[in-house]
Amino acid sequence: MKLNNEWLFTHVHMVYSPFREMITSLHVLAAPCHHLARKQWAEETLDAFSNEMKEALFYFSDVTSQWFNFLDLIDYLNIQEKHVEEAIEQLTQVDDRLFTRFMLGAYDERDPHTRTEHEQLVIEKPSYIKRQLIDFLYDYHMKFFARELFRIEPWLIKAVHELKEKFNEEPINALDTVHPRFEVNRSGLAFYKAETYRFPWDQITSLAVYPSTFIAPHLLVGLETSDITVYLHVSSPHQSEEIDQVPTDLLELMKALAEPTRLRMVRKLLYHSYCTQQLVDEFQLAKATISKHLKILEQSKIISSNRQGHYVFYQTDLDRLTMLRVDLDQFFDQPLLKKEE
């Protein structure tokens, strides 16, 4: 397809979505360590949560991959709301099978014997879980998010108008400023996460850009349909002073890997599982030393364990290892995102 500005003006949209902003806020509450600019807000909000609300928050975060699967559902349904309540109401009409598919994402296809108790409950009682989710979203919005939305809404709408103005003058250049790892040119789109994704314009039906004060430093791109979505970081004057700090989980992971034996162990366990007894023989170290290394690696979640009879076997978590590159990219993105404030 020969790209022209007329196509871009017709198929690219900048949209303010209060419901998407609410869901990204739930992601931050469930996993605040990388969202340093929102860390203070997350801590204060969680402190005000009841035990029941905390339990619901982490339950739904667990089964939706920290709320990201739920954003895919919003994209699939193409929810275009003016108010948060309007979007929540649309969820009541979602078919149970569709709801289950998007809640669990890839876990929906897992062997039933490997599903967690939380995942299995979604499979067995989708209508009940959907009702619980809707009740939780209403409760969270009324008690907490509505107040925050009132504060940040002007900046979100301002960001939409400013990007539209730039887009009307230089559409490609404007889109290329959305995120440091989101590249736009005359050929198509590219974004860089654990791997590089490229989409020529003729594979794209539309592109929607949603502003968010919560999503940074993630590069969040929705690819559930050919209607691609991407989130634009919007800064707040009340950013936490901790924005220049290092995320604690990234720091712990780097410490865990910054030792020769452990790094070699991670490489060995990437290709085959071993028990402690076998690792003692492989590395010619005392059992207590091997156990100490394994404990550090397991605490950093770079390896996982699986009991087989009397033996516990360890293996490197490839997904976590792959995400290390993403975590580092996000850390190094911070000054670039901050520059846009």
Protein backbone atom coordinates (compact mmCIF):
# COMPACT_ATOMS: atom_id res chain seq x y z
CA MET A 1 0.00 0.00 0.00
CA LYS A 2 1.27 3.45 -0.90
CA LEU A 3 0.85 5.45 2.26
CA ASN A 4 -0.54 8.97 2.07
CA ASN A 5 -1.60 11.48 4.68
CA GLU A 6 -5.24 11.12 3.71
CA TRP A 7 -5.19 7.45 4.78
CA LEU A 8 -3.55 8.40 8.08
CA PHE A 9 -6.08 11.14 8.79
CA THR A 10 -8.90 8.62 8.22
CA HIS A 11 -7.50 5.59 10.05
CA VAL A 12 -5.48 7.00 12.95
CA HIS A 13 -7.31 8.23 16.05
CA MET A 14 -6.27 9.83 19.34
CA VAL A 15 -8.81 8.86 21.97
CA TYR A 16 -9.36 9.69 25.63
CA SER A 17 -10.60 6.55 27.38
CA PRO A 18 -11.34 6.85 31.12
CA PHE A 19 -12.08 3.12 31.37
CA ARG A 20 -8.71 2.10 29.90
CA GLU A 21 -7.05 4.54 32.28
CA MET A 22 -8.84 2.86 35.18
CA ILE A 23 -7.65 -0.60 34.11
CA THR A 24 -4.04 0.59 33.76
CA SER A 25 -4.33 2.04 37.28
CA LEU A 26 -5.31 -1.42 38.53
CA HIS A 27 -2.21 -2.85 36.87
CA VAL A 28 -0.09 -0.30 38.76
CA LEU A 29 -1.79 -1.17 42.06
CA ALA A 30 -1.15 -4.88 41.51
CA ALA A 31 2.45 -4.46 40.28
CA PRO A 32 3.79 -1.02 41.30
CA CYS A 33 7.52 -1.79 41.32
CA HIS A 34 8.24 -0.52 37.78
CA HIS A 35 5.86 2.43 37.94
CA LEU A 36 8.04 4.64 40.11
CA ALA A 37 6.20 7.83 39.16
CA ARG A 38 3.02 6.28 40.53
CA LYS A 39 4.53 4.45 43.48
CA GLN A 40 3.38 6.94 46.12
CA TRP A 41 -0.16 6.99 44.71
CA ALA A 42 -0.24 3.18 44.65
CA GLU A 43 0.95 2.86 48.24
CA GLU A 44 -1.56 5.40 49.54
CA THR A 45 -4.43 3.84 47.60
CA LEU A 46 -3.62 0.29 48.68
CA ASP A 47 -3.43 1.42 52.29
CA ALA A 48 -7.02 2.63 51.98
CA PHE A 49 -8.25 -0.64 50.41
CA SER A 50 -10.24 -3.05 52.54
CA ASN A 51 -8.92 -6.61 52.80
CA GLU A 52 -11.75 -7.76 50.53
CA MET A 53 -10.79 -5.24 47.83
CA LYS A 54 -7.12 -6.21 48.02
CA GLU A 55 -8.05 -9.87 47.66
CA ALA A 56 -10.17 -9.11 44.59
CA LEU A 57 -7.48 -6.87 43.07
CA PHE A 58 -4.79 -9.54 43.26
CA TYR A 59 -7.13 -12.37 42.26
CA PHE A 60 -8.12 -10.65 39.01
CA SER A 61 -4.54 -9.51 38.42
CA ASP A 62 -3.37 -13.11 38.78
CA VAL A 63 -5.80 -14.55 36.22
CA THR A 64 -5.49 -11.69 33.69
CA SER A 65 -1.69 -11.40 33.53
CA GLN A 66 -1.66 -8.25 35.67
CA TRP A 67 -4.78 -6.86 33.91
CA PHE A 68 -3.17 -6.85 30.44
CA ASN A 69 -5.49 -9.61 29.15
CA PHE A 70 -8.41 -7.48 30.24
CA LEU A 71 -7.15 -4.58 28.11
CA ASP A 72 -7.11 -7.00 25.16
CA LEU A 73 -10.78 -7.72 25.83
CA ILE A 74 -11.56 -3.98 25.77
CA ASP A 75 -9.77 -3.71 22.42
CA TYR A 76 -11.61 -6.73 21.02
CA LEU A 77 -14.98 -5.31 22.06
CA ASN A 78 -13.90 -1.91 20.71
CA ILE A 79 -15.41 -0.18 23.72
CA GLN A 80 -15.76 3.54 23.02
CA GLU A 81 -17.08 4.99 26.25
CA LYS A 82 -17.56 8.50 27.55
CA HIS A 83 -17.85 7.41 31.17
CA VAL A 84 -16.35 4.55 33.16
CA GLU A 85 -19.78 3.28 34.21
CA GLU A 86 -20.85 2.99 30.58
CA ALA A 87 -17.94 0.64 29.80
CA ILE A 88 -18.50 -1.48 32.91
CA GLU A 89 -22.14 -1.92 31.93
CA GLN A 90 -21.09 -3.24 28.50
CA LEU A 91 -19.18 -6.04 30.23
CA THR A 92 -22.44 -7.50 31.54
CA GLN A 93 -23.34 -8.39 27.94
CA VAL A 94 -20.11 -10.28 27.20
CA ASP A 95 -20.56 -13.97 26.40
CA ASP A 96 -19.10 -16.31 29.05
CA ARG A 97 -16.84 -18.12 26.59
CA LEU A 98 -15.42 -14.86 25.27
CA PHE A 99 -15.00 -13.58 28.81
CA THR A 100 -13.08 -16.71 29.82
CA ARG A 101 -10.86 -16.58 26.75
CA PHE A 102 -9.72 -13.03 27.41
CA MET A 103 -9.50 -13.29 31.18
CA LEU A 104 -7.08 -16.20 30.95
CA GLY A 105 -5.39 -15.34 27.66
CA ALA A 106 -2.90 -18.08 26.74
CA TYR A 107 -3.72 -19.90 29.99
CA ASP A 108 -7.15 -20.71 28.56
CA GLU A 109 -5.55 -23.44 26.44
CA ARG A 110 -3.44 -24.96 29.20
CA ASP A 111 -3.73 -28.53 30.37
CA PRO A 112 -6.41 -28.49 33.13
CA HIS A 113 -3.95 -30.23 35.45
CA THR A 114 -1.51 -27.32 35.21
CA ARG A 115 -4.04 -24.54 35.84
CA THR A 116 -3.97 -22.74 39.16
CA GLU A 117 -6.95 -22.78 41.48
CA HIS A 118 -7.74 -19.20 40.44
CA GLU A 119 -7.63 -20.04 36.73
CA GLN A 120 -9.80 -23.13 37.19
CA LEU A 121 -12.46 -21.09 38.97
CA VAL A 122 -12.78 -18.82 35.92
CA ILE A 123 -13.25 -21.92 33.73
CA GLU A 124 -15.85 -23.47 36.01
CA LYS A 125 -17.84 -20.39 37.02
CA PRO A 126 -17.41 -17.66 34.36
CA SER A 127 -20.77 -15.95 35.08
CA TYR A 128 -20.01 -15.78 38.80
CA ILE A 129 -16.47 -14.44 38.22
CA LYS A 130 -17.77 -11.88 35.73
CA ARG A 131 -20.30 -10.63 38.27
CA GLN A 132 -17.59 -10.42 40.94
CA LEU A 133 -15.35 -8.48 38.57
CA ILE A 134 -18.08 -6.02 37.62
CA ASP A 135 -18.92 -5.43 41.29
CA PHE A 136 -15.24 -4.86 42.05
CA LEU A 137 -14.83 -2.38 39.17
CA TYR A 138 -17.88 -0.38 40.26
CA ASP A 139 -16.66 -0.36 43.85
CA TYR A 140 -13.13 0.70 42.92
CA HIS A 141 -14.35 3.43 40.61
CA MET A 142 -16.78 4.97 43.11
CA LYS A 143 -14.50 4.78 46.15
CA PHE A 144 -11.10 5.54 44.62
CA PHE A 145 -10.64 6.04 40.91
CA ALA A 146 -13.32 8.69 40.27
CA ARG A 147 -11.44 11.10 42.53
CA GLU A 148 -8.14 10.43 40.75
CA LEU A 149 -9.76 10.69 37.33
CA PHE A 150 -11.18 14.11 38.24
CA ARG A 151 -7.61 15.24 38.94
CA ILE A 152 -5.88 13.78 35.87
CA GLU A 153 -8.61 14.06 33.22
CA PRO A 154 -7.62 17.59 32.07
CA TRP A 155 -4.06 16.44 31.35
CA LEU A 156 -5.28 13.39 29.44
CA ILE A 157 -7.60 15.46 27.26
CA LYS A 158 -4.89 18.10 26.79
CA ALA A 159 -2.48 15.38 25.61
CA VAL A 160 -5.01 14.19 23.02
CA HIS A 161 -5.46 17.71 21.63
CA GLU A 162 -1.72 18.42 21.54
CA LEU A 163 -0.97 15.17 19.71
CA LYS A 164 -3.79 15.86 17.24
CA GLU A 165 -2.33 19.29 16.49
CA LYS A 166 1.11 17.79 15.81
CA PHE A 167 -0.49 14.98 13.80
CA ASN A 168 -2.38 17.40 11.56
CA GLU A 169 0.89 19.11 10.67
CA GLU A 170 3.30 16.15 10.45
CA PRO A 171 1.42 12.83 10.98
CA ILE A 172 4.39 10.45 10.78
CA ASN A 173 6.61 12.60 13.01
CA ALA A 174 3.81 13.02 15.55
CA LEU A 175 3.17 9.27 15.84
CA ASP A 176 6.89 8.60 16.12
CA THR A 177 6.96 10.54 19.41
CA VAL A 178 4.47 8.27 21.19
CA HIS A 179 7.18 6.13 22.84
CA PRO A 180 10.98 5.72 22.48
CA ARG A 181 10.53 2.09 21.36
CA PHE A 182 7.56 2.70 19.04
CA GLU A 183 8.77 3.54 15.55
CA VAL A 184 6.57 4.92 12.78
CA ASN A 185 7.61 5.58 9.19
CA ARG A 186 6.19 5.47 5.67
CA SER A 187 6.58 1.67 5.54
CA GLY A 188 4.63 0.88 8.70
CA LEU A 189 4.95 0.44 12.45
CA ALA A 190 7.65 -1.23 14.52
CA PHE A 191 7.95 -1.66 18.24
CA TYR A 192 10.67 -3.17 20.33
CA LYS A 193 10.04 -5.37 23.36
CA ALA A 194 11.62 -8.76 24.02
CA GLU A 195 11.63 -9.06 20.23
CA THR A 196 10.95 -6.71 17.33
CA TYR A 197 7.47 -6.53 15.83
CA ARG A 198 6.88 -4.94 12.43
CA PHE A 199 3.58 -4.22 10.68
CA PRO A 200 3.30 -2.73 7.20
CA TRP A 201 0.43 -0.29 6.78
CA ASP A 202 -1.53 -2.67 4.54
CA GLN A 203 -1.87 -5.07 7.51
CA ILE A 204 -3.35 -2.38 9.73
CA THR A 205 -7.05 -1.49 9.76
CA SER A 206 -6.65 1.40 12.19
CA LEU A 207 -4.37 2.79 14.86
CA ALA A 208 -5.70 4.25 18.10
CA VAL A 209 -3.51 6.19 20.55
CA TYR A 210 -4.73 6.33 24.16
CA PRO A 211 -3.15 8.71 26.69
CA SER A 212 -2.30 7.36 30.14
CA THR A 213 -0.71 8.72 33.30
CA PHE A 214 -0.22 5.18 34.63
CA ILE A 215 1.28 3.03 31.86
CA ALA A 216 4.88 4.37 31.80
CA PRO A 217 7.44 2.94 31.47
CA HIS A 218 5.67 0.08 29.65
CA LEU A 219 5.35 0.19 25.90
CA LEU A 220 1.82 -1.19 25.72
CA VAL A 221 0.60 -2.15 22.27
CA GLY A 222 -2.68 -3.98 21.66
CA LEU A 223 -2.53 -6.50 18.80
CA GLU A 224 -5.68 -8.55 19.37
CA THR A 225 -7.10 -7.37 16.05
CA SER A 226 -5.79 -5.47 13.02
CA ASP A 227 -7.05 -2.37 14.87
CA ILE A 228 -3.82 -1.66 16.72
CA THR A 229 -3.77 0.32 19.96
CA VAL A 230 -0.84 2.02 21.63
CA TYR A 231 -0.64 4.02 24.86
CA LEU A 232 0.90 7.48 25.13
CA HIS A 233 2.61 8.42 28.38
CA VAL A 234 1.21 11.59 29.95
CA SER A 235 3.14 13.09 32.84
CA SER A 236 1.60 14.51 35.97
CA PRO A 237 3.02 17.46 37.94
CA HIS A 238 2.64 15.30 41.03
CA GLN A 239 5.05 12.60 39.87
CA SER A 240 6.74 10.75 42.70
CA GLU A 241 10.27 11.86 43.53
CA GLU A 242 11.25 8.18 43.35
CA ILE A 243 11.11 8.20 39.54
CA ASP A 244 14.92 8.17 39.32
CA GLN A 245 15.28 5.13 41.58
CA VAL A 246 15.85 1.52 40.42
CA PRO A 247 12.85 -0.87 40.58
CA THR A 248 13.43 -3.26 43.47
CA ASP A 249 12.65 -6.44 41.52
CA LEU A 250 15.07 -5.45 38.73
CA LEU A 251 17.77 -4.71 41.29
CA GLU A 252 17.28 -8.07 43.03
CA LEU A 253 17.38 -9.92 39.72
CA MET A 254 20.60 -8.20 38.66
CA LYS A 255 22.15 -9.01 42.04
CA ALA A 256 21.12 -12.65 41.66
CA LEU A 257 22.78 -12.90 38.25
CA ALA A 258 25.91 -10.93 39.23
CA GLU A 259 27.78 -14.04 40.46
CA PRO A 260 29.66 -16.44 38.14
CA THR A 261 28.32 -19.73 39.51
CA ARG A 262 24.71 -18.55 39.55
CA LEU A 263 24.96 -17.16 36.02
CA ARG A 264 26.38 -20.48 34.77
CA MET A 265 23.68 -22.29 36.69
CA VAL A 266 20.96 -20.21 35.00
CA ARG A 267 22.42 -21.11 31.60
CA LYS A 268 22.59 -24.84 32.43
CA LEU A 269 19.05 -24.90 33.80
CA LEU A 270 17.80 -23.15 30.68
CA TYR A 271 18.36 -26.28 28.57
CA HIS A 272 17.57 -29.03 31.07
CA SER A 273 16.17 -29.42 34.58
CA TYR A 274 18.46 -30.59 37.37
CA CYS A 275 17.97 -31.49 41.01
CA THR A 276 20.29 -30.32 43.79
CA GLN A 277 22.16 -33.62 43.88
CA GLN A 278 22.95 -33.41 40.17
CA LEU A 279 24.06 -29.78 40.42
CA VAL A 280 26.46 -30.71 43.24
CA ASP A 281 28.09 -33.16 40.87
CA GLU A 282 28.05 -30.73 37.91
CA PHE A 283 29.61 -27.81 39.77
CA GLN A 284 31.73 -29.75 42.27
CA LEU A 285 30.45 -27.61 45.15
CA ALA A 286 29.04 -28.45 48.56
CA LYS A 287 25.33 -29.17 48.73
CA ALA A 288 24.83 -26.22 51.12
CA THR A 289 26.49 -23.86 48.61
CA ILE A 290 24.35 -25.12 45.72
CA SER A 291 21.20 -24.82 47.84
CA LYS A 292 22.09 -21.23 48.74
CA HIS A 293 22.56 -20.31 45.07
CA LEU A 294 19.27 -22.00 44.13
CA LYS A 295 17.41 -20.15 46.88
CA ILE A 296 18.68 -16.77 45.65
CA LEU A 297 17.74 -17.58 42.05
CA GLU A 298 14.32 -18.87 43.02
CA GLN A 299 13.59 -15.80 45.14
CA SER A 300 14.38 -13.61 42.14
CA LYS A 301 11.98 -15.83 40.10
CA ILE A 302 14.61 -16.52 37.44
CA ILE A 303 14.25 -20.26 38.09
CA SER A 304 11.28 -22.38 39.14
CA SER A 305 11.06 -25.71 40.94
CA ASN A 306 9.01 -28.84 40.44
CA ARG A 307 8.91 -31.77 42.87
CA GLN A 308 9.15 -35.25 41.36
CA GLY A 309 9.00 -37.91 44.07
CA HIS A 310 11.82 -37.30 46.55
CA TYR A 311 13.59 -34.86 44.25
CA VAL A 312 13.02 -31.18 43.50
CA PHE A 313 14.03 -30.24 39.95
CA TYR A 314 14.93 -26.69 38.95
CA GLN A 315 14.70 -25.02 35.56
CA THR A 316 15.28 -21.50 34.28
CA ASP A 317 12.10 -19.56 33.57
CA LEU A 318 12.60 -18.58 29.93
CA ASP A 319 9.78 -16.02 30.02
CA ARG A 320 11.35 -14.27 33.01
CA LEU A 321 14.77 -14.34 31.39
CA THR A 322 13.30 -12.85 28.20
CA MET A 323 11.51 -10.18 30.23
CA LEU A 324 14.83 -9.06 31.70
CA ARG A 325 15.60 -7.31 28.42
CA VAL A 326 12.20 -5.59 28.56
CA ASP A 327 12.76 -4.55 32.18
CA LEU A 328 16.12 -3.03 31.29
CA ASP A 329 14.63 -1.22 28.30
CA GLN A 330 11.90 0.20 30.53
CA PHE A 331 14.46 1.37 33.08
CA PHE A 332 16.52 3.12 30.42
CA ASP A 333 13.37 4.59 28.86
CA GLN A 334 12.64 6.65 32.00
CA PRO A 335 14.79 9.70 31.14
CA LEU A 336 13.36 9.76 27.59
CA LEU A 337 9.81 9.65 28.90
CA LYS A 338 10.63 12.24 31.53
CA LYS A 339 12.04 14.50 28.82
CA GLU A 340 8.58 14.63 27.27
CA GLU A 341 6.99 16.05 30.44
